[in-house]
Amino acid sequence: MSYFMNKSTKLAFISWLVLIVLTLISVYLTLFIDSRAIYVGVALLIVSIKGQQIIDIFMELKHAPKLWRMLLLSYVIVVPLIIGLIYLV
């Protein structure tokens, strides 16, 4: 299989697997965490990590102009923070 994959394809495949694992973790998180605050915090952390992976790997903004990358990465951080504050207050 590695014969057909170049470096960027391998990176995208690994990132895709990480996204799948993080999605499964967030689905089954309620089985292990009883506290609402901790659940919301962990779920939003997972959302931020997934967003960063999508921006850097799939949108290929890791090597884009810094302004565009920082704008999208700040969106991935700011929106979950706002949502977390709404749920926790």
PDB file of N, CA and C in Angstrom:
ATOM      1  N   MET A   1       0.819  -1.189   0.000  1.00  0.00           N
ATOM      2  CA  MET A   1       0.000   0.000   0.000  1.00  0.00           C
ATOM      3  C   MET A   1       0.861   1.250   0.000  1.00  0.00           C
ATOM      4  N   SER A   2       2.000   1.214   0.661  1.00  0.00           N
ATOM      5  CA  SER A   2       2.857   2.398   0.709  1.00  0.00           C
ATOM      6  C   SER A   2       3.462   2.716  -0.653  1.00  0.00           C
ATOM      7  N   TYR A   3       3.433   1.737  -1.552  1.00  0.00           N
ATOM      8  CA  TYR A   3       3.950   1.955  -2.895  1.00  0.00           C
ATOM      9  C   TYR A   3       3.107   2.997  -3.638  1.00  0.00           C
ATOM     10  N   PHE A   4       1.809   3.028  -3.378  1.00  0.00           N
ATOM     11  CA  PHE A   4       0.904   3.926  -4.082  1.00  0.00           C
ATOM     12  C   PHE A   4       0.719   5.265  -3.375  1.00  0.00           C
ATOM     13  N   MET A   5       1.244   5.394  -2.167  1.00  0.00           N
ATOM     14  CA  MET A   5       1.027   6.611  -1.403  1.00  0.00           C
ATOM     15  C   MET A   5       2.284   7.468  -1.368  1.00  0.00           C
ATOM     16  N   ASN A   6       2.130   8.734  -1.707  1.00  0.00           N
ATOM     17  CA  ASN A   6       3.236   9.655  -1.514  1.00  0.00           C
ATOM     18  C   ASN A   6       3.144  10.240  -0.108  1.00  0.00           C
ATOM     19  N   LYS A   7       4.035  11.146   0.223  1.00  0.00           N
ATOM     20  CA  LYS A   7       4.105  11.671   1.584  1.00  0.00           C
ATOM     21  C   LYS A   7       2.837  12.419   1.983  1.00  0.00           C
ATOM     22  N   SER A   8       2.299  13.241   1.095  1.00  0.00           N
ATOM     23  CA  SER A   8       1.103  14.007   1.444  1.00  0.00           C
ATOM     24  C   SER A   8      -0.123  13.109   1.567  1.00  0.00           C
ATOM     25  N   THR A   9      -0.186  12.057   0.777  1.00  0.00           N
ATOM     26  CA  THR A   9      -1.303  11.120   0.879  1.00  0.00           C
ATOM     27  C   THR A   9      -1.235  10.350   2.188  1.00  0.00           C
ATOM     28  N   LYS A  10      -0.038   9.941   2.590  1.00  0.00           N
ATOM     29  CA  LYS A  10       0.125   9.261   3.883  1.00  0.00           C
ATOM     30  C   LYS A  10      -0.278  10.172   5.024  1.00  0.00           C
ATOM     31  N   LEU A  11       0.134  11.432   4.955  1.00  0.00           N
ATOM     32  CA  LEU A  11      -0.215  12.393   6.001  1.00  0.00           C
ATOM     33  C   LEU A  11      -1.723  12.597   6.065  1.00  0.00           C
ATOM     34  N   ALA A  12      -2.372  12.703   4.918  1.00  0.00           N
ATOM     35  CA  ALA A  12      -3.821  12.870   4.887  1.00  0.00           C
ATOM     36  C   ALA A  12      -4.522  11.632   5.430  1.00  0.00           C
ATOM     37  N   PHE A  13      -4.006  10.455   5.108  1.00  0.00           N
ATOM     38  CA  PHE A  13      -4.597   9.214   5.594  1.00  0.00           C
ATOM     39  C   PHE A  13      -4.463   9.102   7.110  1.00  0.00           C
ATOM     40  N   ILE A  14      -3.297   9.414   7.628  1.00  0.00           N
ATOM     41  CA  ILE A  14      -3.091   9.377   9.081  1.00  0.00           C
ATOM     42  C   ILE A  14      -3.976  10.403   9.775  1.00  0.00           C
ATOM     43  N   SER A  15      -4.070  11.587   9.198  1.00  0.00           N
ATOM     44  CA  SER A  15      -4.937  12.616   9.761  1.00  0.00           C
ATOM     45  C   SER A  15      -6.394  12.174   9.747  1.00  0.00           C
ATOM     46  N   TRP A  16      -6.803  11.525   8.671  1.00  0.00           N
ATOM     47  CA  TRP A  16      -8.167  11.010   8.582  1.00  0.00           C
ATOM     48  C   TRP A  16      -8.419   9.976   9.680  1.00  0.00           C
ATOM     49  N   LEU A  17      -7.452   9.105   9.914  1.00  0.00           N
ATOM     50  CA  LEU A  17      -7.598   8.121  10.993  1.00  0.00           C
ATOM     51  C   LEU A  17      -7.699   8.804  12.358  1.00  0.00           C
ATOM     52  N   VAL A  18      -6.902   9.837  12.568  1.00  0.00           N
ATOM     53  CA  VAL A  18      -6.967  10.591  13.823  1.00  0.00           C
ATOM     54  C   VAL A  18      -8.349  11.227  13.982  1.00  0.00           C
ATOM     55  N   LEU A  19      -8.881  11.777  12.904  1.00  0.00           N
ATOM     56  CA  LEU A  19     -10.219  12.372  12.963  1.00  0.00           C
ATOM     57  C   LEU A  19     -11.278  11.329  13.299  1.00  0.00           C
ATOM     58  N   ILE A  20     -11.166  10.143  12.733  1.00  0.00           N
ATOM     59  CA  ILE A  20     -12.113   9.068  13.034  1.00  0.00           C
ATOM     60  C   ILE A  20     -12.013   8.662  14.500  1.00  0.00           C
ATOM     61  N   VAL A  21     -10.793   8.497  15.000  1.00  0.00           N
ATOM     62  CA  VAL A  21     -10.600   8.109  16.401  1.00  0.00           C
ATOM     63  C   VAL A  21     -11.142   9.183  17.339  1.00  0.00           C
ATOM     64  N   LEU A  22     -10.863  10.448  17.038  1.00  0.00           N
ATOM     65  CA  LEU A  22     -11.376  11.529  17.876  1.00  0.00           C
ATOM     66  C   LEU A  22     -12.899  11.593  17.842  1.00  0.00           C
ATOM     67  N   THR A  23     -13.482  11.307  16.696  1.00  0.00           N
ATOM     68  CA  THR A  23     -14.944  11.277  16.603  1.00  0.00           C
ATOM     69  C   THR A  23     -15.506  10.152  17.460  1.00  0.00           C
ATOM     70  N   LEU A  24     -14.899   8.991  17.398  1.00  0.00           N
ATOM     71  CA  LEU A  24     -15.361   7.872  18.222  1.00  0.00           C
ATOM     72  C   LEU A  24     -15.193   8.168  19.707  1.00  0.00           C
ATOM     73  N   ILE A  25     -14.108   8.809  20.064  1.00  0.00           N
ATOM     74  CA  ILE A  25     -13.898   9.183  21.468  1.00  0.00           C
ATOM     75  C   ILE A  25     -14.995  10.139  21.924  1.00  0.00           C
ATOM     76  N   SER A  26     -15.301  11.122  21.097  1.00  0.00           N
ATOM     77  CA  SER A  26     -16.334  12.083  21.500  1.00  0.00           C
ATOM     78  C   SER A  26     -17.717  11.442  21.578  1.00  0.00           C
ATOM     79  N   VAL A  27     -17.972  10.421  20.757  1.00  0.00           N
ATOM     80  CA  VAL A  27     -19.262   9.729  20.810  1.00  0.00           C
ATOM     81  C   VAL A  27     -19.392   8.942  22.108  1.00  0.00           C
ATOM     82  N   TYR A  28     -18.336   8.240  22.483  1.00  0.00           N
ATOM     83  CA  TYR A  28     -18.395   7.385  23.668  1.00  0.00           C
ATOM     84  C   TYR A  28     -17.934   8.074  24.952  1.00  0.00           C
ATOM     85  N   LEU A  29     -17.724   9.357  24.882  1.00  0.00           N
ATOM     86  CA  LEU A  29     -17.259  10.115  26.044  1.00  0.00           C
ATOM     87  C   LEU A  29     -18.258  10.088  27.190  1.00  0.00           C
ATOM     88  N   THR A  30     -19.539  10.067  26.868  1.00  0.00           N
ATOM     89  CA  THR A  30     -20.564  10.089  27.911  1.00  0.00           C
ATOM     90  C   THR A  30     -20.549   8.827  28.761  1.00  0.00           C
ATOM     91  N   LEU A  31     -19.975   7.752  28.257  1.00  0.00           N
ATOM     92  CA  LEU A  31     -19.908   6.520  29.044  1.00  0.00           C
ATOM     93  C   LEU A  31     -18.899   6.620  30.178  1.00  0.00           C
ATOM     94  N   PHE A  32     -17.920   7.518  30.035  1.00  0.00           N
ATOM     95  CA  PHE A  32     -16.832   7.586  31.000  1.00  0.00           C
ATOM     96  C   PHE A  32     -16.837   8.849  31.852  1.00  0.00           C
ATOM     97  N   ILE A  33     -17.508   9.886  31.395  1.00  0.00           N
ATOM     98  CA  ILE A  33     -17.494  11.162  32.114  1.00  0.00           C
ATOM     99  C   ILE A  33     -18.912  11.507  32.551  1.00  0.00           C
ATOM    100  N   ASP A  34     -19.068  11.745  33.858  1.00  0.00           N
ATOM    101  CA  ASP A  34     -20.383  12.088  34.397  1.00  0.00           C
ATOM    102  C   ASP A  34     -20.579  13.595  34.535  1.00  0.00           C
ATOM    103  N   SER A  35     -19.505  14.311  34.732  1.00  0.00           N
ATOM    104  CA  SER A  35     -19.590  15.757  34.950  1.00  0.00           C
ATOM    105  C   SER A  35     -19.860  16.488  33.632  1.00  0.00           C
ATOM    106  N   ARG A  36     -20.878  17.317  33.635  1.00  0.00           N
ATOM    107  CA  ARG A  36     -21.245  18.072  32.431  1.00  0.00           C
ATOM    108  C   ARG A  36     -20.130  19.022  32.013  1.00  0.00           C
ATOM    109  N   ALA A  37     -19.523  19.691  32.975  1.00  0.00           N
ATOM    110  CA  ALA A  37     -18.476  20.674  32.671  1.00  0.00           C
ATOM    111  C   ALA A  37     -17.258  19.993  32.034  1.00  0.00           C
ATOM    112  N   ILE A  38     -16.856  18.870  32.585  1.00  0.00           N
ATOM    113  CA  ILE A  38     -15.704  18.160  32.037  1.00  0.00           C
ATOM    114  C   ILE A  38     -16.044  17.618  30.646  1.00  0.00           C
ATOM    115  N   TYR A  39     -17.261  17.092  30.489  1.00  0.00           N
ATOM    116  CA  TYR A  39     -17.672  16.569  29.184  1.00  0.00           C
ATOM    117  C   TYR A  39     -17.636  17.651  28.111  1.00  0.00           C
ATOM    118  N   VAL A  40     -18.205  18.812  28.427  1.00  0.00           N
ATOM    119  CA  VAL A  40     -18.222  19.915  27.462  1.00  0.00           C
ATOM    120  C   VAL A  40     -16.798  20.364  27.150  1.00  0.00           C
ATOM    121  N   GLY A  41     -15.959  20.459  28.169  1.00  0.00           N
ATOM    122  CA  GLY A  41     -14.575  20.878  27.959  1.00  0.00           C
ATOM    123  C   GLY A  41     -13.796  19.912  27.072  1.00  0.00           C
ATOM    124  N   VAL A  42     -13.923  18.631  27.339  1.00  0.00           N
ATOM    125  CA  VAL A  42     -13.207  17.626  26.549  1.00  0.00           C
ATOM    126  C   VAL A  42     -13.755  17.577  25.119  1.00  0.00           C
ATOM    127  N   ALA A  43     -15.066  17.646  24.981  1.00  0.00           N
ATOM    128  CA  ALA A  43     -15.672  17.617  23.645  1.00  0.00           C
ATOM    129  C   ALA A  43     -15.221  18.824  22.819  1.00  0.00           C
ATOM    130  N   LEU A  44     -15.161  19.989  23.432  1.00  0.00           N
ATOM    131  CA  LEU A  44     -14.731  21.181  22.701  1.00  0.00           C
ATOM    132  C   LEU A  44     -13.237  21.150  22.405  1.00  0.00           C
ATOM    133  N   LEU A  45     -12.460  20.541  23.261  1.00  0.00           N
ATOM    134  CA  LEU A  45     -11.040  20.350  22.971  1.00  0.00           C
ATOM    135  C   LEU A  45     -10.868  19.439  21.763  1.00  0.00           C
ATOM    136  N   ILE A  46     -11.658  18.380  21.706  1.00  0.00           N
ATOM    137  CA  ILE A  46     -11.608  17.476  20.561  1.00  0.00           C
ATOM    138  C   ILE A  46     -12.026  18.211  19.288  1.00  0.00           C
ATOM    139  N   VAL A  47     -13.041  19.052  19.377  1.00  0.00           N
ATOM    140  CA  VAL A  47     -13.473  19.836  18.214  1.00  0.00           C
ATOM    141  C   VAL A  47     -12.345  20.746  17.733  1.00  0.00           C
ATOM    142  N   SER A  48     -11.633  21.371  18.656  1.00  0.00           N
ATOM    143  CA  SER A  48     -10.525  22.254  18.278  1.00  0.00           C
ATOM    144  C   SER A  48      -9.399  21.480  17.596  1.00  0.00           C
ATOM    145  N   ILE A  49      -9.069  20.318  18.127  1.00  0.00           N
ATOM    146  CA  ILE A  49      -8.014  19.494  17.520  1.00  0.00           C
ATOM    147  C   ILE A  49      -8.431  19.047  16.124  1.00  0.00           C
ATOM    148  N   LYS A  50      -9.680  18.622  15.978  1.00  0.00           N
ATOM    149  CA  LYS A  50     -10.166  18.195  14.673  1.00  0.00           C
ATOM    150  C   LYS A  50     -10.157  19.357  13.682  1.00  0.00           C
ATOM    151  N   GLY A  51     -10.562  20.532  14.136  1.00  0.00           N
ATOM    152  CA  GLY A  51     -10.553  21.697  13.264  1.00  0.00           C
ATOM    153  C   GLY A  51      -9.158  22.056  12.806  1.00  0.00           C
ATOM    154  N   GLN A  52      -8.197  21.959  13.718  1.00  0.00           N
ATOM    155  CA  GLN A  52      -6.807  22.243  13.359  1.00  0.00           C
ATOM    156  C   GLN A  52      -6.308  21.250  12.330  1.00  0.00           C
ATOM    157  N   GLN A  53      -6.650  19.985  12.487  1.00  0.00           N
ATOM    158  CA  GLN A  53      -6.249  18.964  11.519  1.00  0.00           C
ATOM    159  C   GLN A  53      -6.850  19.248  10.139  1.00  0.00           C
ATOM    160  N   ILE A  54      -8.117  19.615  10.119  1.00  0.00           N
ATOM    161  CA  ILE A  54      -8.780  19.893   8.841  1.00  0.00           C
ATOM    162  C   ILE A  54      -8.154  21.103   8.164  1.00  0.00           C
ATOM    163  N   ILE A  55      -7.875  22.144   8.933  1.00  0.00           N
ATOM    164  CA  ILE A  55      -7.293  23.359   8.362  1.00  0.00           C
ATOM    165  C   ILE A  55      -5.886  23.097   7.834  1.00  0.00           C
ATOM    166  N   ASP A  56      -5.066  22.431   8.619  1.00  0.00           N
ATOM    167  CA  ASP A  56      -3.668  22.238   8.226  1.00  0.00           C
ATOM    168  C   ASP A  56      -3.484  21.150   7.175  1.00  0.00           C
ATOM    169  N   ILE A  57      -4.179  20.046   7.296  1.00  0.00           N
ATOM    170  CA  ILE A  57      -3.929  18.901   6.412  1.00  0.00           C
ATOM    171  C   ILE A  57      -4.835  18.918   5.184  1.00  0.00           C
ATOM    172  N   PHE A  58      -6.143  18.963   5.401  1.00  0.00           N
ATOM    173  CA  PHE A  58      -7.051  18.812   4.265  1.00  0.00           C
ATOM    174  C   PHE A  58      -7.235  20.099   3.475  1.00  0.00           C
ATOM    175  N   MET A  59      -7.221  21.236   4.154  1.00  0.00           N
ATOM    176  CA  MET A  59      -7.311  22.506   3.427  1.00  0.00           C
ATOM    177  C   MET A  59      -5.931  22.986   2.986  1.00  0.00           C
ATOM    178  N   GLU A  60      -4.897  22.308   3.453  1.00  0.00           N
ATOM    179  CA  GLU A  60      -3.499  22.587   3.109  1.00  0.00           C
ATOM    180  C   GLU A  60      -3.101  24.042   3.383  1.00  0.00           C
ATOM    181  N   LEU A  61      -3.546  24.556   4.514  1.00  0.00           N
ATOM    182  CA  LEU A  61      -3.195  25.919   4.883  1.00  0.00           C
ATOM    183  C   LEU A  61      -1.957  25.994   5.775  1.00  0.00           C
ATOM    184  N   LYS A  62      -1.316  24.872   6.001  1.00  0.00           N
ATOM    185  CA  LYS A  62      -0.110  24.875   6.829  1.00  0.00           C
ATOM    186  C   LYS A  62       0.994  25.719   6.194  1.00  0.00           C
ATOM    187  N   HIS A  63       1.017  25.763   4.873  1.00  0.00           N
ATOM    188  CA  HIS A  63       2.037  26.527   4.168  1.00  0.00           C
ATOM    189  C   HIS A  63       1.446  27.741   3.447  1.00  0.00           C
ATOM    190  N   ALA A  64       0.217  28.095   3.793  1.00  0.00           N
ATOM    191  CA  ALA A  64      -0.445  29.250   3.184  1.00  0.00           C
ATOM    192  C   ALA A  64       0.039  30.527   3.878  1.00  0.00           C
ATOM    193  N   PRO A  65      -0.347  31.687   3.363  1.00  0.00           N
ATOM    194  CA  PRO A  65      -0.006  32.929   4.059  1.00  0.00           C
ATOM    195  C   PRO A  65      -0.504  32.892   5.508  1.00  0.00           C
ATOM    196  N   LYS A  66       0.327  33.390   6.402  1.00  0.00           N
ATOM    197  CA  LYS A  66       0.036  33.281   7.837  1.00  0.00           C
ATOM    198  C   LYS A  66      -1.289  33.915   8.229  1.00  0.00           C
ATOM    199  N   LEU A  67      -1.674  34.990   7.567  1.00  0.00           N
ATOM    200  CA  LEU A  67      -2.923  35.657   7.906  1.00  0.00           C
ATOM    201  C   LEU A  67      -4.111  34.712   7.741  1.00  0.00           C
ATOM    202  N   TRP A  68      -4.195  34.020   6.613  1.00  0.00           N
ATOM    203  CA  TRP A  68      -5.311  33.113   6.370  1.00  0.00           C
ATOM    204  C   TRP A  68      -5.313  31.946   7.347  1.00  0.00           C
ATOM    205  N   ARG A  69      -4.144  31.401   7.585  1.00  0.00           N
ATOM    206  CA  ARG A  69      -4.063  30.270   8.517  1.00  0.00           C
ATOM    207  C   ARG A  69      -4.449  30.700   9.927  1.00  0.00           C
ATOM    208  N   MET A  70      -3.945  31.837  10.371  1.00  0.00           N
ATOM    209  CA  MET A  70      -4.252  32.313  11.720  1.00  0.00           C
ATOM    210  C   MET A  70      -5.730  32.677  11.864  1.00  0.00           C
ATOM    211  N   LEU A  71      -6.330  33.240  10.826  1.00  0.00           N
ATOM    212  CA  LEU A  71      -7.758  33.558  10.887  1.00  0.00           C
ATOM    213  C   LEU A  71      -8.589  32.291  11.069  1.00  0.00           C
ATOM    214  N   LEU A  72      -8.302  31.273  10.300  1.00  0.00           N
ATOM    215  CA  LEU A  72      -9.071  30.043  10.423  1.00  0.00           C
ATOM    216  C   LEU A  72      -8.773  29.302  11.726  1.00  0.00           C
ATOM    217  N   LEU A  73      -7.516  29.299  12.148  1.00  0.00           N
ATOM    218  CA  LEU A  73      -7.192  28.644  13.417  1.00  0.00           C
ATOM    219  C   LEU A  73      -7.819  29.387  14.603  1.00  0.00           C
ATOM    220  N   SER A  74      -7.884  30.704  14.525  1.00  0.00           N
ATOM    221  CA  SER A  74      -8.524  31.451  15.615  1.00  0.00           C
ATOM    222  C   SER A  74     -10.020  31.158  15.645  1.00  0.00           C
ATOM    223  N   TYR A  75     -10.618  30.957  14.486  1.00  0.00           N
ATOM    224  CA  TYR A  75     -12.032  30.582  14.430  1.00  0.00           C
ATOM    225  C   TYR A  75     -12.259  29.252  15.139  1.00  0.00           C
ATOM    226  N   VAL A  76     -11.346  28.317  14.925  1.00  0.00           N
ATOM    227  CA  VAL A  76     -11.465  26.993  15.536  1.00  0.00           C
ATOM    228  C   VAL A  76     -11.302  27.070  17.055  1.00  0.00           C
ATOM    229  N   ILE A  77     -10.620  28.077  17.541  1.00  0.00           N
ATOM    230  CA  ILE A  77     -10.442  28.231  18.984  1.00  0.00           C
ATOM    231  C   ILE A  77     -11.547  29.100  19.594  1.00  0.00           C
ATOM    232  N   VAL A  78     -11.880  30.194  18.943  1.00  0.00           N
ATOM    233  CA  VAL A  78     -12.838  31.155  19.497  1.00  0.00           C
ATOM    234  C   VAL A  78     -14.260  30.587  19.551  1.00  0.00           C
ATOM    235  N   VAL A  79     -14.705  29.954  18.489  1.00  0.00           N
ATOM    236  CA  VAL A  79     -16.080  29.431  18.457  1.00  0.00           C
ATOM    237  C   VAL A  79     -16.309  28.362  19.533  1.00  0.00           C
ATOM    238  N   PRO A  80     -15.434  27.363  19.689  1.00  0.00           N
ATOM    239  CA  PRO A  80     -15.656  26.419  20.801  1.00  0.00           C
ATOM    240  C   PRO A  80     -15.597  27.092  22.185  1.00  0.00           C
ATOM    241  N   LEU A  81     -14.754  28.097  22.335  1.00  0.00           N
ATOM    242  CA  LEU A  81     -14.734  28.814  23.621  1.00  0.00           C
ATOM    243  C   LEU A  81     -16.072  29.495  23.905  1.00  0.00           C
ATOM    244  N   ILE A  82     -16.621  30.128  22.902  1.00  0.00           N
ATOM    245  CA  ILE A  82     -17.922  30.779  23.077  1.00  0.00           C
ATOM    246  C   ILE A  82     -19.005  29.754  23.377  1.00  0.00           C
ATOM    247  N   ILE A  83     -19.006  28.664  22.654  1.00  0.00           N
ATOM    248  CA  ILE A  83     -19.988  27.603  22.897  1.00  0.00           C
ATOM    249  C   ILE A  83     -19.809  27.030  24.294  1.00  0.00           C
ATOM    250  N   GLY A  84     -18.566  26.820  24.707  1.00  0.00           N
ATOM    251  CA  GLY A  84     -18.300  26.317  26.054  1.00  0.00           C
ATOM    252  C   GLY A  84     -18.788  27.264  27.126  1.00  0.00           C
ATOM    253  N   LEU A  85     -18.578  28.545  26.933  1.00  0.00           N
ATOM    254  CA  LEU A  85     -19.072  29.530  27.898  1.00  0.00           C
ATOM    255  C   LEU A  85     -20.587  29.539  27.963  1.00  0.00           C
ATOM    256  N   ILE A  86     -21.246  29.389  26.828  1.00  0.00           N
ATOM    257  CA  ILE A  86     -22.715  29.353  26.820  1.00  0.00           C
ATOM    258  C   ILE A  86     -23.229  28.146  27.596  1.00  0.00           C
ATOM    259  N   TYR A  87     -22.628  26.976  27.390  1.00  0.00           N
ATOM    260  CA  TYR A  87     -23.095  25.774  28.070  1.00  0.00           C
ATOM    261  C   TYR A  87     -22.737  25.755  29.548  1.00  0.00           C
ATOM    262  N   LEU A  88     -21.645  26.358  29.910  1.00  0.00           N
ATOM    263  CA  LEU A  88     -21.190  26.260  31.302  1.00  0.00           C
ATOM    264  C   LEU A  88     -21.728  27.368  32.190  1.00  0.00           C
ATOM    265  N   VAL A  89     -22.269  28.407  31.588  1.00  0.00           N
ATOM    266  CA  VAL A  89     -22.789  29.530  32.410  1.00  0.00           C
ATOM    267  C   VAL A  89     -24.251  29.345  32.688  1.00  0.00           C
TER     268      VAL A  89
END
